[in-house]
Amino acid sequence: MPNTNPTGLLDIWVAKLDSDIALSTSNLSNSNEVLVYPNPFKNDIGIKGDGSNTNVFINDINGRAVFSKFYQEKGGFLKITTEQLPSGFYILKIVSDISIYTFKILKQ
């Protein structure tokens, strides 16, 4: 039986979860060391990294791996082509020799 308050009305509780905290180790668009752009994107993602060796992982919103590649130090800039991905939200994880960064990205 549902809980009612003294006036006879049903109590309804709404909770808003802040997913930015759970999904990121830094700001979702950039940090002091890594910049991901554009976001949202159409086919290519640019990553201005910290200049170290980098593993790039992209998972769909359900956690399935859809892209994974290792890049040796390339002067701090990477271009990721994502033509094979359908439109939607993804989680981009960048693991460098120095740190780990996680971004929520949107393909249009």
N, C-alpha and C. Protein backbone atom coordinates (compact mmCIF):
# COMPACT_ATOMS: atom_id res chain seq x y z
N MET A 1 0.85 -1.18 0.00
CA MET A 1 0.00 0.00 0.00
C MET A 1 0.90 1.24 0.00
N PRO A 2 0.59 2.23 -0.85
CA PRO A 2 1.40 3.45 -0.91
C PRO A 2 1.32 4.24 0.39
N ASN A 3 2.42 4.96 0.69
CA ASN A 3 2.46 5.83 1.87
C ASN A 3 1.71 7.12 1.58
N THR A 4 0.89 7.55 2.52
CA THR A 4 0.21 8.84 2.38
C THR A 4 0.65 9.73 3.52
N ASN A 5 0.62 11.04 3.28
CA ASN A 5 0.95 11.98 4.35
C ASN A 5 -0.34 12.30 5.11
N PRO A 6 -0.28 13.10 6.19
CA PRO A 6 -1.47 13.36 7.01
C PRO A 6 -2.64 13.98 6.25
N THR A 7 -2.37 14.60 5.09
CA THR A 7 -3.47 15.19 4.32
C THR A 7 -4.15 14.18 3.43
N GLY A 8 -3.64 12.94 3.41
CA GLY A 8 -4.23 11.91 2.57
C GLY A 8 -3.64 11.84 1.17
N LEU A 9 -2.68 12.73 0.88
CA LEU A 9 -2.06 12.73 -0.43
C LEU A 9 -0.86 11.79 -0.44
N LEU A 10 -0.53 11.29 -1.61
CA LEU A 10 0.64 10.42 -1.74
C LEU A 10 1.92 11.22 -1.66
N ASP A 11 2.93 10.67 -0.99
CA ASP A 11 4.26 11.27 -0.97
C ASP A 11 5.01 10.79 -2.21
N ILE A 12 5.58 11.70 -2.95
CA ILE A 12 6.38 11.37 -4.13
C ILE A 12 7.74 12.00 -3.95
N TRP A 13 8.78 11.20 -4.15
CA TRP A 13 10.15 11.67 -4.02
C TRP A 13 10.82 11.61 -5.38
N VAL A 14 11.54 12.66 -5.72
CA VAL A 14 12.28 12.72 -6.97
C VAL A 14 13.74 12.97 -6.63
N ALA A 15 14.62 12.15 -7.20
CA ALA A 15 16.05 12.33 -6.97
C ALA A 15 16.73 12.57 -8.30
N LYS A 16 17.55 13.58 -8.38
CA LYS A 16 18.32 13.87 -9.57
C LYS A 16 19.77 13.46 -9.31
N LEU A 17 20.27 12.55 -10.13
CA LEU A 17 21.64 12.10 -9.98
C LEU A 17 22.54 12.90 -10.90
N ASP A 18 23.66 13.34 -10.39
CA ASP A 18 24.62 14.11 -11.17
C ASP A 18 25.61 13.15 -11.81
N SER A 19 25.37 12.78 -13.07
CA SER A 19 26.21 11.79 -13.75
C SER A 19 27.59 12.34 -14.07
N ASP A 20 27.77 13.66 -14.11
CA ASP A 20 29.09 14.22 -14.42
C ASP A 20 30.13 13.78 -13.39
N ILE A 21 29.72 13.67 -12.16
CA ILE A 21 30.66 13.28 -11.11
C ILE A 21 31.08 11.83 -11.29
N ALA A 22 30.14 10.97 -11.64
CA ALA A 22 30.44 9.55 -11.77
C ALA A 22 31.22 9.23 -13.04
N LEU A 23 31.11 10.06 -14.05
CA LEU A 23 31.70 9.74 -15.35
C LEU A 23 33.04 10.40 -15.62
N SER A 24 33.49 11.27 -14.77
CA SER A 24 34.64 12.05 -15.15
C SER A 24 35.64 12.21 -14.02
N THR A 25 36.92 12.25 -14.43
CA THR A 25 37.97 12.58 -13.47
C THR A 25 38.37 14.03 -13.61
N SER A 26 37.81 14.70 -14.61
CA SER A 26 38.11 16.11 -14.85
C SER A 26 36.87 16.74 -15.47
N ASN A 27 36.94 18.00 -15.81
CA ASN A 27 35.86 18.68 -16.49
C ASN A 27 35.50 17.92 -17.75
N LEU A 28 34.22 17.88 -18.11
CA LEU A 28 33.80 17.08 -19.26
C LEU A 28 34.29 17.61 -20.59
N SER A 29 34.63 18.84 -20.71
CA SER A 29 35.08 19.34 -22.01
C SER A 29 36.59 19.52 -22.08
N ASN A 30 37.23 19.82 -20.98
CA ASN A 30 38.69 19.92 -21.00
C ASN A 30 39.25 19.90 -19.61
N SER A 31 40.54 19.77 -19.52
CA SER A 31 41.25 19.86 -18.25
C SER A 31 42.53 20.62 -18.52
N ASN A 32 43.39 20.72 -17.55
CA ASN A 32 44.65 21.43 -17.75
C ASN A 32 45.55 20.74 -18.76
N GLU A 33 45.40 19.43 -18.93
CA GLU A 33 46.32 18.69 -19.77
C GLU A 33 45.71 18.11 -21.03
N VAL A 34 44.40 17.90 -21.09
CA VAL A 34 43.78 17.24 -22.23
C VAL A 34 42.56 18.05 -22.68
N LEU A 35 42.41 18.19 -23.99
CA LEU A 35 41.25 18.86 -24.58
C LEU A 35 40.68 17.96 -25.65
N VAL A 36 39.37 17.73 -25.61
CA VAL A 36 38.67 16.92 -26.60
C VAL A 36 37.70 17.84 -27.34
N TYR A 37 37.78 17.85 -28.67
CA TYR A 37 36.94 18.75 -29.45
C TYR A 37 36.74 18.22 -30.85
N PRO A 38 35.68 18.61 -31.56
CA PRO A 38 34.52 19.32 -31.01
C PRO A 38 33.64 18.34 -30.24
N ASN A 39 32.80 18.85 -29.43
CA ASN A 39 31.85 18.02 -28.71
C ASN A 39 30.57 18.82 -28.54
N PRO A 40 29.53 18.46 -29.29
CA PRO A 40 29.32 17.26 -30.11
C PRO A 40 30.15 17.27 -31.39
N PHE A 41 30.30 16.08 -31.99
CA PHE A 41 31.12 15.93 -33.19
C PHE A 41 30.33 15.16 -34.25
N LYS A 42 30.85 15.23 -35.49
CA LYS A 42 30.19 14.49 -36.59
C LYS A 42 30.96 13.23 -36.95
N ASN A 43 32.20 13.34 -37.36
CA ASN A 43 32.99 12.16 -37.73
C ASN A 43 34.33 12.08 -37.03
N ASP A 44 34.98 13.21 -36.82
CA ASP A 44 36.33 13.19 -36.25
C ASP A 44 36.35 13.88 -34.88
N ILE A 45 37.16 13.32 -34.00
CA ILE A 45 37.39 13.92 -32.69
C ILE A 45 38.86 14.30 -32.62
N GLY A 46 39.15 15.51 -32.22
CA GLY A 46 40.52 15.93 -31.98
C GLY A 46 40.84 15.84 -30.50
N ILE A 47 42.02 15.33 -30.19
CA ILE A 47 42.45 15.24 -28.80
C ILE A 47 43.80 15.93 -28.68
N LYS A 48 43.84 16.99 -27.89
CA LYS A 48 45.11 17.64 -27.55
C LYS A 48 45.53 17.03 -26.23
N GLY A 49 46.54 16.16 -26.31
CA GLY A 49 46.93 15.39 -25.15
C GLY A 49 48.12 15.97 -24.41
N ASP A 50 48.65 15.17 -23.53
CA ASP A 50 49.78 15.59 -22.72
C ASP A 50 51.12 15.21 -23.35
N GLY A 51 51.09 14.66 -24.57
CA GLY A 51 52.32 14.35 -25.30
C GLY A 51 52.91 12.99 -25.01
N SER A 52 52.27 12.20 -24.16
CA SER A 52 52.81 10.89 -23.83
C SER A 52 52.10 9.80 -24.65
N ASN A 53 52.61 8.57 -24.55
CA ASN A 53 51.93 7.45 -25.18
C ASN A 53 50.51 7.36 -24.63
N THR A 54 49.56 7.02 -25.51
CA THR A 54 48.15 7.12 -25.13
C THR A 54 47.35 5.95 -25.66
N ASN A 55 46.52 5.37 -24.80
CA ASN A 55 45.49 4.42 -25.21
C ASN A 55 44.17 5.17 -25.22
N VAL A 56 43.41 5.01 -26.32
CA VAL A 56 42.11 5.66 -26.43
C VAL A 56 41.05 4.58 -26.51
N PHE A 57 40.04 4.70 -25.67
CA PHE A 57 38.93 3.75 -25.64
C PHE A 57 37.63 4.52 -25.79
N ILE A 58 36.71 4.02 -26.60
CA ILE A 58 35.37 4.59 -26.70
C ILE A 58 34.38 3.47 -26.41
N ASN A 59 33.49 3.72 -25.44
CA ASN A 59 32.42 2.78 -25.11
C ASN A 59 31.09 3.44 -25.40
N ASP A 60 30.11 2.63 -25.83
CA ASP A 60 28.78 3.19 -25.99
C ASP A 60 28.17 3.41 -24.61
N ILE A 61 27.00 3.98 -24.57
CA ILE A 61 26.39 4.35 -23.30
C ILE A 61 26.04 3.13 -22.45
N ASN A 62 25.99 1.94 -23.09
CA ASN A 62 25.73 0.69 -22.36
C ASN A 62 27.01 0.02 -21.88
N GLY A 63 28.16 0.65 -22.14
CA GLY A 63 29.42 0.12 -21.66
C GLY A 63 30.14 -0.81 -22.63
N ARG A 64 29.56 -1.04 -23.81
CA ARG A 64 30.21 -1.91 -24.80
C ARG A 64 31.34 -1.16 -25.50
N ALA A 65 32.49 -1.82 -25.62
CA ALA A 65 33.64 -1.22 -26.31
C ALA A 65 33.34 -1.13 -27.80
N VAL A 66 33.50 0.08 -28.38
CA VAL A 66 33.27 0.27 -29.81
C VAL A 66 34.53 0.76 -30.52
N PHE A 67 35.56 1.17 -29.76
CA PHE A 67 36.80 1.65 -30.35
C PHE A 67 37.91 1.52 -29.32
N SER A 68 39.08 1.08 -29.79
CA SER A 68 40.23 0.99 -28.91
C SER A 68 41.48 1.07 -29.77
N LYS A 69 42.41 1.95 -29.40
CA LYS A 69 43.63 2.09 -30.18
C LYS A 69 44.74 2.68 -29.31
N PHE A 70 45.97 2.21 -29.56
CA PHE A 70 47.15 2.74 -28.89
C PHE A 70 47.85 3.71 -29.83
N TYR A 71 48.24 4.86 -29.30
CA TYR A 71 48.96 5.87 -30.07
C TYR A 71 50.28 6.15 -29.38
N GLN A 72 51.39 6.02 -30.11
CA GLN A 72 52.66 6.45 -29.56
C GLN A 72 52.70 7.96 -29.60
N GLU A 73 53.50 8.56 -28.76
CA GLU A 73 53.58 10.01 -28.62
C GLU A 73 53.63 10.67 -30.00
N LYS A 74 52.65 11.58 -30.23
CA LYS A 74 52.52 12.22 -31.54
C LYS A 74 52.56 13.73 -31.42
N GLY A 75 53.35 14.25 -30.55
CA GLY A 75 53.43 15.70 -30.41
C GLY A 75 52.24 16.30 -29.68
N GLY A 76 51.45 15.46 -29.04
CA GLY A 76 50.35 15.97 -28.24
C GLY A 76 49.02 16.11 -28.95
N PHE A 77 48.90 15.75 -30.26
CA PHE A 77 47.62 15.86 -30.95
C PHE A 77 47.26 14.53 -31.61
N LEU A 78 46.02 14.11 -31.41
CA LEU A 78 45.49 12.90 -32.05
C LEU A 78 44.20 13.24 -32.77
N LYS A 79 43.97 12.56 -33.89
CA LYS A 79 42.71 12.70 -34.61
C LYS A 79 42.09 11.30 -34.67
N ILE A 80 40.88 11.16 -34.12
CA ILE A 80 40.17 9.90 -34.09
C ILE A 80 39.03 9.98 -35.11
N THR A 81 39.00 9.07 -36.07
CA THR A 81 37.92 9.02 -37.06
C THR A 81 36.87 8.03 -36.58
N THR A 82 35.61 8.48 -36.52
CA THR A 82 34.54 7.67 -35.96
C THR A 82 33.38 7.49 -36.93
N GLU A 83 33.67 7.45 -38.23
CA GLU A 83 32.60 7.32 -39.22
C GLU A 83 31.75 6.08 -39.00
N GLN A 84 32.35 5.01 -38.45
CA GLN A 84 31.64 3.75 -38.27
C GLN A 84 30.65 3.78 -37.11
N LEU A 85 30.71 4.79 -36.26
CA LEU A 85 29.83 4.86 -35.09
C LEU A 85 28.51 5.53 -35.43
N PRO A 86 27.39 4.97 -34.97
CA PRO A 86 26.11 5.66 -35.14
C PRO A 86 26.01 6.86 -34.19
N SER A 87 25.07 7.74 -34.47
CA SER A 87 24.84 8.90 -33.60
C SER A 87 24.48 8.43 -32.20
N GLY A 88 24.90 9.21 -31.19
CA GLY A 88 24.54 8.89 -29.82
C GLY A 88 25.62 9.33 -28.84
N PHE A 89 25.38 9.03 -27.58
CA PHE A 89 26.33 9.36 -26.51
C PHE A 89 27.35 8.24 -26.35
N TYR A 90 28.58 8.64 -26.04
CA TYR A 90 29.68 7.70 -25.83
C TYR A 90 30.53 8.18 -24.66
N ILE A 91 31.30 7.25 -24.12
CA ILE A 91 32.28 7.56 -23.08
C ILE A 91 33.66 7.39 -23.69
N LEU A 92 34.44 8.46 -23.70
CA LEU A 92 35.81 8.46 -24.22
C LEU A 92 36.76 8.40 -23.04
N LYS A 93 37.61 7.38 -23.03
CA LYS A 93 38.60 7.23 -21.96
C LYS A 93 39.98 7.32 -22.58
N ILE A 94 40.79 8.21 -22.03
CA ILE A 94 42.16 8.42 -22.50
C ILE A 94 43.09 8.03 -21.37
N VAL A 95 43.92 7.02 -21.64
CA VAL A 95 44.87 6.54 -20.65
C VAL A 95 46.26 6.85 -21.17
N SER A 96 46.94 7.80 -20.54
CA SER A 96 48.28 8.18 -20.97
C SER A 96 49.30 7.66 -19.96
N ASP A 97 50.58 7.88 -20.26
CA ASP A 97 51.63 7.51 -19.32
C ASP A 97 51.53 8.33 -18.03
N ILE A 98 50.85 9.48 -18.12
CA ILE A 98 50.80 10.41 -16.99
C ILE A 98 49.51 10.31 -16.18
N SER A 99 48.36 10.11 -16.86
CA SER A 99 47.09 10.17 -16.16
C SER A 99 45.99 9.46 -16.95
N ILE A 100 44.79 9.42 -16.36
CA ILE A 100 43.60 8.86 -17.01
C ILE A 100 42.53 9.95 -17.04
N TYR A 101 41.90 10.12 -18.21
CA TYR A 101 40.86 11.12 -18.39
C TYR A 101 39.64 10.45 -18.98
N THR A 102 38.46 10.86 -18.54
CA THR A 102 37.21 10.30 -19.04
C THR A 102 36.30 11.46 -19.45
N PHE A 103 35.71 11.35 -20.65
CA PHE A 103 34.84 12.39 -21.19
C PHE A 103 33.54 11.77 -21.69
N LYS A 104 32.45 12.48 -21.53
CA LYS A 104 31.19 12.11 -22.13
C LYS A 104 31.10 12.89 -23.43
N ILE A 105 30.92 12.17 -24.57
CA ILE A 105 30.91 12.82 -25.88
C ILE A 105 29.63 12.46 -26.63
N LEU A 106 29.25 13.30 -27.58
CA LEU A 106 28.03 13.10 -28.35
C LEU A 106 28.37 13.14 -29.84
N LYS A 107 28.01 12.05 -30.55
CA LYS A 107 28.14 12.04 -32.01
C LYS A 107 26.79 12.44 -32.59
N GLN A 108 26.81 13.43 -33.48
CA GLN A 108 25.58 13.90 -34.12
C GLN A 108 25.25 13.05 -35.32
